[in-house]
Amino acid sequence: MTKYGNDPHKAIINGETYSFRSKLEHRYAGYLELLRRADEIEGWEYEPEYYDFEEIDHGVTRYLPDFKVFYADKTFELHECKGALDGKSKTKLRRMRKYYPDIHIVLVIDRLPAGRTAKSRHRRSQILDLCGKHGIQLFQISTLSIMR
């Protein structure tokens, strides 16, 4: 069981065994693998390395991205899959932008809340505000039907 209370999603992708923390990560890994096979990306790694926030001595002091995505031009991006955007997750993403401003970050969500209720509108605006204010790209995977 993961820290989120769900069972890990085990998968073998391109001959390697992974234990994803969520269905969303599992589906997104499948999508990245399709991009790799189509030569759209050079490759990807799951939970590749920690990024430390050296000046911080309490609270969120480091960040472990879900995916590191590599491109043919030798650049990379960090991709973070989120089912729900809690306070700790928002802090990690804000601190990444502050301490590592040159690293491009992509927030991967299943779908943006529709905004039909007050709670849904609030969650939607939180996601859009975080991305807009901190230069984080938003990617919705809900249109993909990979590995459901």
C-alpha atoms as a PDB file:
ATOM      1  CA  MET A   1       0.000   0.000   0.000  1.00  0.00           C
ATOM      2  CA  THR A   2       1.327   3.477  -0.890  1.00  0.00           C
ATOM      3  CA  LYS A   3       1.275   6.499   1.412  1.00  0.00           C
ATOM      4  CA  TYR A   4      -1.906   7.601  -0.401  1.00  0.00           C
ATOM      5  CA  GLY A   5      -3.765   4.484   0.723  1.00  0.00           C
ATOM      6  CA  ASN A   6      -3.872   2.801  -2.657  1.00  0.00           C
ATOM      7  CA  ASP A   7      -2.140  -0.276  -3.972  1.00  0.00           C
ATOM      8  CA  PRO A   8       0.923   0.287  -6.139  1.00  0.00           C
ATOM      9  CA  HIS A   9       0.381  -0.234  -9.843  1.00  0.00           C
ATOM     10  CA  LYS A  10       3.011  -2.664 -11.043  1.00  0.00           C
ATOM     11  CA  ALA A  11       3.877  -2.699 -14.725  1.00  0.00           C
ATOM     12  CA  ILE A  12       6.558  -3.914 -17.078  1.00  0.00           C
ATOM     13  CA  ILE A  13       7.353  -1.286 -19.680  1.00  0.00           C
ATOM     14  CA  ASN A  14      10.068  -1.819 -22.257  1.00  0.00           C
ATOM     15  CA  GLY A  15      11.436  -4.711 -20.206  1.00  0.00           C
ATOM     16  CA  GLU A  16      11.703  -2.777 -16.915  1.00  0.00           C
ATOM     17  CA  THR A  17       9.480  -3.346 -13.881  1.00  0.00           C
ATOM     18  CA  TYR A  18       7.905  -0.288 -12.253  1.00  0.00           C
ATOM     19  CA  SER A  19       5.779   0.178  -9.158  1.00  0.00           C
ATOM     20  CA  PHE A  20       3.756   3.318  -9.780  1.00  0.00           C
ATOM     21  CA  ARG A  21       2.053   5.087  -6.888  1.00  0.00           C
ATOM     22  CA  SER A  22      -1.136   5.789  -8.827  1.00  0.00           C
ATOM     23  CA  LYS A  23      -3.170   4.810 -11.886  1.00  0.00           C
ATOM     24  CA  LEU A  24      -2.438   8.247 -13.303  1.00  0.00           C
ATOM     25  CA  GLU A  25       1.334   7.680 -13.123  1.00  0.00           C
ATOM     26  CA  HIS A  26       0.860   4.249 -14.696  1.00  0.00           C
ATOM     27  CA  ARG A  27      -1.194   5.662 -17.574  1.00  0.00           C
ATOM     28  CA  TYR A  28       1.210   8.549 -18.087  1.00  0.00           C
ATOM     29  CA  ALA A  29       4.214   6.201 -18.234  1.00  0.00           C
ATOM     30  CA  GLY A  30       2.418   4.334 -21.015  1.00  0.00           C
ATOM     31  CA  TYR A  31       1.888   7.606 -22.849  1.00  0.00           C
ATOM     32  CA  LEU A  32       5.561   8.569 -22.448  1.00  0.00           C
ATOM     33  CA  GLU A  33       6.613   5.167 -23.733  1.00  0.00           C
ATOM     34  CA  LEU A  34       4.470   5.656 -26.837  1.00  0.00           C
ATOM     35  CA  LEU A  35       6.129   9.051 -27.379  1.00  0.00           C
ATOM     36  CA  ARG A  36       9.562   7.422 -27.001  1.00  0.00           C
ATOM     37  CA  ARG A  37       8.746   4.696 -29.507  1.00  0.00           C
ATOM     38  CA  ALA A  38       7.485   7.348 -31.954  1.00  0.00           C
ATOM     39  CA  ASP A  39      10.761   9.293 -31.485  1.00  0.00           C
ATOM     40  CA  GLU A  40       8.862  12.282 -30.060  1.00  0.00           C
ATOM     41  CA  ILE A  41      11.026  12.109 -26.935  1.00  0.00           C
ATOM     42  CA  GLU A  42      14.451  10.591 -26.365  1.00  0.00           C
ATOM     43  CA  GLY A  43      13.427   8.794 -23.172  1.00  0.00           C
ATOM     44  CA  TRP A  44      12.018   9.070 -19.659  1.00  0.00           C
ATOM     45  CA  GLU A  45      12.826   8.034 -16.104  1.00  0.00           C
ATOM     46  CA  TYR A  46      10.452   7.372 -13.212  1.00  0.00           C
ATOM     47  CA  GLU A  47      11.237   9.129  -9.902  1.00  0.00           C
ATOM     48  CA  PRO A  48      14.775   9.875 -11.123  1.00  0.00           C
ATOM     49  CA  GLU A  49      16.349  12.047  -8.416  1.00  0.00           C
ATOM     50  CA  TYR A  50      15.639  14.389  -5.527  1.00  0.00           C
ATOM     51  CA  TYR A  51      15.928  18.142  -5.833  1.00  0.00           C
ATOM     52  CA  ASP A  52      16.912  19.725  -2.513  1.00  0.00           C
ATOM     53  CA  PHE A  53      15.796  23.156  -1.332  1.00  0.00           C
ATOM     54  CA  GLU A  54      19.015  23.961   0.492  1.00  0.00           C
ATOM     55  CA  GLU A  55      17.894  27.171   2.219  1.00  0.00           C
ATOM     56  CA  ILE A  56      14.798  25.494   3.686  1.00  0.00           C
ATOM     57  CA  ASP A  57      15.220  23.734   7.035  1.00  0.00           C
ATOM     58  CA  HIS A  58      11.580  22.867   7.815  1.00  0.00           C
ATOM     59  CA  GLY A  59       8.512  21.678   5.966  1.00  0.00           C
ATOM     60  CA  VAL A  60       9.088  20.727   2.340  1.00  0.00           C
ATOM     61  CA  THR A  61      12.867  20.523   1.959  1.00  0.00           C
ATOM     62  CA  ARG A  62      13.124  18.412  -1.214  1.00  0.00           C
ATOM     63  CA  TYR A  63      11.179  17.306  -4.242  1.00  0.00           C
ATOM     64  CA  LEU A  64      11.061  13.976  -6.073  1.00  0.00           C
ATOM     65  CA  PRO A  65       9.445  14.432  -9.497  1.00  0.00           C
ATOM     66  CA  ASP A  66       7.397  11.614 -10.950  1.00  0.00           C
ATOM     67  CA  PHE A  67       9.084  11.699 -14.353  1.00  0.00           C
ATOM     68  CA  LYS A  68      12.111  13.186 -16.043  1.00  0.00           C
ATOM     69  CA  VAL A  69      11.518  13.448 -19.802  1.00  0.00           C
ATOM     70  CA  PHE A  70      14.466  13.758 -22.195  1.00  0.00           C
ATOM     71  CA  TYR A  71      14.474  15.317 -25.658  1.00  0.00           C
ATOM     72  CA  ALA A  72      16.789  14.833 -28.654  1.00  0.00           C
ATOM     73  CA  ASP A  73      18.299  18.321 -28.170  1.00  0.00           C
ATOM     74  CA  LYS A  74      19.645  17.162 -24.751  1.00  0.00           C
ATOM     75  CA  THR A  75      17.074  19.187 -22.779  1.00  0.00           C
ATOM     76  CA  PHE A  76      14.738  17.678 -20.195  1.00  0.00           C
ATOM     77  CA  GLU A  77      11.541  18.469 -18.317  1.00  0.00           C
ATOM     78  CA  LEU A  78      10.143  17.304 -14.994  1.00  0.00           C
ATOM     79  CA  HIS A  79       6.586  15.956 -15.132  1.00  0.00           C
ATOM     80  CA  GLU A  80       4.480  15.715 -11.975  1.00  0.00           C
ATOM     81  CA  CYS A  81       1.267  13.641 -11.938  1.00  0.00           C
ATOM     82  CA  LYS A  82      -1.388  14.814  -9.500  1.00  0.00           C
ATOM     83  CA  GLY A  83      -4.840  13.488  -8.764  1.00  0.00           C
ATOM     84  CA  ALA A  84      -5.370  16.169  -6.132  1.00  0.00           C
ATOM     85  CA  LEU A  85      -3.289  19.260  -5.582  1.00  0.00           C
ATOM     86  CA  ASP A  86      -2.787  19.533  -1.809  1.00  0.00           C
ATOM     87  CA  GLY A  87      -0.835  22.223   0.045  1.00  0.00           C
ATOM     88  CA  LYS A  88       2.370  20.203   0.222  1.00  0.00           C
ATOM     89  CA  SER A  89       2.293  19.546  -3.528  1.00  0.00           C
ATOM     90  CA  LYS A  90       1.746  23.233  -4.295  1.00  0.00           C
ATOM     91  CA  THR A  91       4.665  24.156  -2.027  1.00  0.00           C
ATOM     92  CA  LYS A  92       6.960  21.662  -3.773  1.00  0.00           C
ATOM     93  CA  LEU A  93       6.098  23.040  -7.204  1.00  0.00           C
ATOM     94  CA  ARG A  94       6.462  26.683  -6.088  1.00  0.00           C
ATOM     95  CA  ARG A  95       9.835  25.952  -4.495  1.00  0.00           C
ATOM     96  CA  MET A  96      11.035  24.129  -7.615  1.00  0.00           C
ATOM     97  CA  ARG A  97      10.305  27.253  -9.639  1.00  0.00           C
ATOM     98  CA  LYS A  98      12.149  29.392  -7.087  1.00  0.00           C
ATOM     99  CA  TYR A  99      15.252  27.227  -6.550  1.00  0.00           C
ATOM    100  CA  TYR A 100      15.488  25.675 -10.032  1.00  0.00           C
ATOM    101  CA  PRO A 101      14.033  28.360 -12.333  1.00  0.00           C
ATOM    102  CA  ASP A 102      15.655  26.963 -15.484  1.00  0.00           C
ATOM    103  CA  ILE A 103      13.957  23.572 -15.224  1.00  0.00           C
ATOM    104  CA  HIS A 104      10.711  23.287 -17.173  1.00  0.00           C
ATOM    105  CA  ILE A 105       7.915  21.683 -15.126  1.00  0.00           C
ATOM    106  CA  VAL A 106       4.764  20.031 -16.455  1.00  0.00           C
ATOM    107  CA  LEU A 107       1.821  19.355 -14.134  1.00  0.00           C
ATOM    108  CA  VAL A 108      -0.062  16.279 -15.368  1.00  0.00           C
ATOM    109  CA  ILE A 109      -3.653  15.905 -14.211  1.00  0.00           C
ATOM    110  CA  ASP A 110      -6.413  13.565 -15.275  1.00  0.00           C
ATOM    111  CA  ARG A 111      -8.785  16.431 -16.020  1.00  0.00           C
ATOM    112  CA  LEU A 112      -9.322  20.001 -14.957  1.00  0.00           C
ATOM    113  CA  PRO A 113     -12.329  20.249 -12.596  1.00  0.00           C
ATOM    114  CA  ALA A 114     -15.397  21.354 -14.561  1.00  0.00           C
ATOM    115  CA  GLY A 115     -16.277  24.211 -12.214  1.00  0.00           C
ATOM    116  CA  ARG A 116     -19.925  23.295 -11.802  1.00  0.00           C
ATOM    117  CA  THR A 117     -19.846  23.576  -7.998  1.00  0.00           C
ATOM    118  CA  ALA A 118     -18.136  26.075  -5.700  1.00  0.00           C
ATOM    119  CA  LYS A 119     -15.634  23.415  -4.577  1.00  0.00           C
ATOM    120  CA  SER A 120     -14.890  22.415  -8.162  1.00  0.00           C
ATOM    121  CA  ARG A 121     -14.472  26.077  -9.225  1.00  0.00           C
ATOM    122  CA  HIS A 122     -12.081  26.605  -6.313  1.00  0.00           C
ATOM    123  CA  ARG A 123      -9.958  23.542  -7.225  1.00  0.00           C
ATOM    124  CA  ARG A 124      -9.950  24.604 -10.876  1.00  0.00           C
ATOM    125  CA  SER A 125      -8.804  28.145 -10.050  1.00  0.00           C
ATOM    126  CA  GLN A 126      -6.089  26.818  -7.686  1.00  0.00           C
ATOM    127  CA  ILE A 127      -4.600  24.685 -10.470  1.00  0.00           C
ATOM    128  CA  LEU A 128      -4.805  27.445 -13.083  1.00  0.00           C
ATOM    129  CA  ASP A 129      -3.400  30.073 -10.675  1.00  0.00           C
ATOM    130  CA  LEU A 130      -0.468  27.855  -9.655  1.00  0.00           C
ATOM    131  CA  CYS A 131       0.410  27.112 -13.263  1.00  0.00           C
ATOM    132  CA  GLY A 132      -0.093  30.670 -14.459  1.00  0.00           C
ATOM    133  CA  LYS A 133       1.804  32.416 -11.658  1.00  0.00           C
ATOM    134  CA  HIS A 134       4.745  30.008 -11.636  1.00  0.00           C
ATOM    135  CA  GLY A 135       5.192  29.192 -15.315  1.00  0.00           C
ATOM    136  CA  ILE A 136       4.164  25.555 -14.950  1.00  0.00           C
ATOM    137  CA  GLN A 137       2.747  23.877 -18.036  1.00  0.00           C
ATOM    138  CA  LEU A 138      -0.553  22.027 -17.539  1.00  0.00           C
ATOM    139  CA  PHE A 139      -1.261  18.734 -19.338  1.00  0.00           C
ATOM    140  CA  GLN A 140      -4.596  16.899 -19.105  1.00  0.00           C
ATOM    141  CA  ILE A 141      -4.358  13.183 -19.774  1.00  0.00           C
ATOM    142  CA  SER A 142      -8.130  12.530 -19.640  1.00  0.00           C
ATOM    143  CA  THR A 143      -8.392  12.417 -23.424  1.00  0.00           C
ATOM    144  CA  LEU A 144      -5.985   9.474 -23.565  1.00  0.00           C
ATOM    145  CA  SER A 145      -7.275   5.940 -23.079  1.00  0.00           C
ATOM    146  CA  ILE A 146      -3.880   4.313 -22.516  1.00  0.00           C
ATOM    147  CA  MET A 147      -3.717   1.486 -19.954  1.00  0.00           C
ATOM    148  CA  ARG A 148      -7.122   2.019 -18.394  1.00  0.00           C
END
